[in-house]
Amino acid sequence: MRPKYETKKDLQNEKDVAAYLSKLWNCEFIKLDPIKWKVDYLIHDLQKDTYCWAEVKKANINFGQYIFMISYKKIEAAKLLADTSGYKFLLIFRCNDALCYHLWDFSKKYKFEYSGRTM
């Protein structure tokens, strides 16, 4: 079984971001089991009664200092969820100086680099 790399600090960061955006966007962040779902949240828009999948990341950088990175496996899982459910996928990044998000476009060709863990 692959080790879990998510720390208590990571989970608290996710909760903080979810709580802040829940109020700002009038939505509910539903925390998902990382083993079953592979992404962090299902977001329920309470006004429109719609949903989207979301991954929340914390980067210890300032906005624009480096490109954002996300694992291919996360994107692969998010695409499968989006394709089968019809719900969009949102990538949320918290930087030292900004909270930003990107609505993923699976028809777009994003830059791909091979690095990081290989096991």
Protein backbone atom coordinates (compact mmCIF):
# COMPACT_ATOMS: atom_id res chain seq x y z
CA MET A 1 0.00 0.00 0.00
CA ARG A 2 1.33 3.43 -0.95
CA PRO A 3 2.12 5.72 2.00
CA LYS A 4 -0.06 8.74 2.68
CA TYR A 5 1.76 12.05 2.21
CA GLU A 6 -1.03 14.34 3.39
CA THR A 7 -0.23 15.89 6.78
CA LYS A 8 -2.51 17.30 9.48
CA LYS A 9 -1.33 20.74 8.40
CA ASP A 10 -2.38 19.97 4.79
CA LEU A 11 -5.83 18.88 5.95
CA GLN A 12 -6.21 22.00 8.11
CA ASN A 13 -5.25 24.18 5.14
CA GLU A 14 -7.93 22.45 3.05
CA LYS A 15 -10.52 23.02 5.78
CA ASP A 16 -9.57 26.70 6.07
CA VAL A 17 -9.86 27.23 2.31
CA ALA A 18 -13.15 25.31 2.17
CA ALA A 19 -14.63 27.31 5.05
CA TYR A 20 -13.61 30.62 3.49
CA LEU A 21 -14.89 29.78 0.00
CA SER A 22 -18.09 28.20 1.33
CA LYS A 23 -19.11 31.58 2.72
CA LEU A 24 -17.83 33.59 -0.24
CA TRP A 25 -19.46 31.38 -2.90
CA ASN A 26 -22.53 30.25 -0.88
CA CYS A 27 -21.67 26.61 -1.35
CA GLU A 28 -20.97 23.46 0.62
CA PHE A 29 -17.59 21.72 0.41
CA ILE A 30 -18.10 17.98 0.90
CA LYS A 31 -14.82 16.32 1.93
CA LEU A 32 -14.24 13.09 0.02
CA ASP A 33 -12.35 9.97 1.03
CA PRO A 34 -8.95 10.31 -0.74
CA ILE A 35 -8.62 6.59 -1.38
CA LYS A 36 -12.03 6.18 -3.01
CA TRP A 37 -12.34 9.48 -4.84
CA LYS A 38 -8.74 10.71 -5.41
CA VAL A 39 -9.84 14.38 -5.29
CA ASP A 40 -10.43 16.45 -2.18
CA TYR A 41 -13.97 17.80 -2.48
CA LEU A 42 -17.32 17.77 -4.16
CA ILE A 43 -18.62 21.35 -4.07
CA HIS A 44 -22.37 21.91 -3.96
CA ASP A 45 -23.51 25.33 -5.21
CA LEU A 46 -26.49 25.97 -2.97
CA GLN A 47 -28.10 28.64 -5.17
CA LYS A 48 -27.90 26.81 -8.50
CA ASP A 49 -28.10 23.30 -7.00
CA THR A 50 -25.11 22.23 -9.12
CA TYR A 51 -21.85 20.49 -8.27
CA CYS A 52 -18.18 20.44 -9.20
CA TRP A 53 -15.16 18.40 -8.16
CA ALA A 54 -12.23 20.20 -6.51
CA GLU A 55 -8.64 19.68 -5.49
CA VAL A 56 -7.15 22.08 -2.91
CA LYS A 57 -3.39 22.67 -2.81
CA LYS A 58 -1.12 24.85 -0.69
CA ALA A 59 2.03 26.19 -2.28
CA ASN A 60 4.62 27.92 -0.11
CA ILE A 61 5.30 30.48 -2.86
CA ASN A 62 3.97 33.84 -3.98
CA PHE A 63 1.57 33.91 -6.89
CA GLY A 64 3.47 33.80 -10.19
CA GLN A 65 6.77 32.76 -8.62
CA TYR A 66 6.55 29.25 -10.10
CA ILE A 67 4.02 27.33 -12.15
CA PHE A 68 1.44 25.31 -10.25
CA MET A 69 1.86 21.56 -10.35
CA ILE A 70 -0.57 18.73 -9.84
CA SER A 71 0.01 15.03 -10.29
CA TYR A 72 -1.06 13.32 -13.47
CA LYS A 73 -2.90 10.69 -11.41
CA LYS A 74 -5.06 13.42 -9.82
CA ILE A 75 -5.91 14.84 -13.25
CA GLU A 76 -6.62 11.38 -14.60
CA ALA A 77 -9.02 10.70 -11.70
CA ALA A 78 -10.61 14.16 -12.03
CA LYS A 79 -11.20 13.64 -15.76
CA LEU A 80 -12.89 10.30 -15.13
CA LEU A 81 -15.12 11.88 -12.46
CA ALA A 82 -15.94 14.84 -14.72
CA ASP A 83 -16.68 12.62 -17.73
CA THR A 84 -18.93 10.23 -15.85
CA SER A 85 -20.78 12.80 -13.74
CA GLY A 86 -20.90 15.80 -16.06
CA TYR A 87 -19.54 18.01 -13.23
CA LYS A 88 -16.57 20.30 -13.84
CA PHE A 89 -13.23 20.13 -12.02
CA LEU A 90 -11.77 23.07 -10.11
CA LEU A 91 -8.15 23.32 -9.00
CA ILE A 92 -7.78 25.65 -5.99
CA PHE A 93 -4.32 26.89 -4.99
CA ARG A 94 -3.49 28.79 -1.85
CA CYS A 95 -0.24 30.74 -2.13
CA ASN A 96 1.45 32.90 0.49
CA ASP A 97 -0.11 36.03 -1.00
CA ALA A 98 -3.17 34.81 -2.92
CA LEU A 99 -5.97 32.31 -3.13
CA CYS A 100 -6.62 31.37 -6.74
CA TYR A 101 -8.49 28.79 -8.75
CA HIS A 102 -8.55 27.32 -12.23
CA LEU A 103 -11.50 25.66 -13.92
CA TRP A 104 -9.84 22.73 -15.68
CA ASP A 105 -10.48 22.34 -19.41
CA PHE A 106 -9.93 18.71 -20.32
CA SER A 107 -10.00 19.54 -24.05
CA LYS A 108 -6.95 21.82 -23.59
CA LYS A 109 -3.40 20.51 -23.87
CA TYR A 110 -1.59 21.56 -20.67
CA LYS A 111 2.18 21.51 -20.24
CA PHE A 112 3.34 18.11 -19.03
CA GLU A 113 6.60 17.44 -17.19
CA TYR A 114 7.82 14.19 -15.71
CA SER A 115 9.31 14.56 -12.23
CA GLY A 116 8.72 13.83 -8.57
CA ARG A 117 8.00 10.41 -7.09
CA THR A 118 8.47 7.52 -9.45
CA MET A 119 7.03 4.79 -7.26
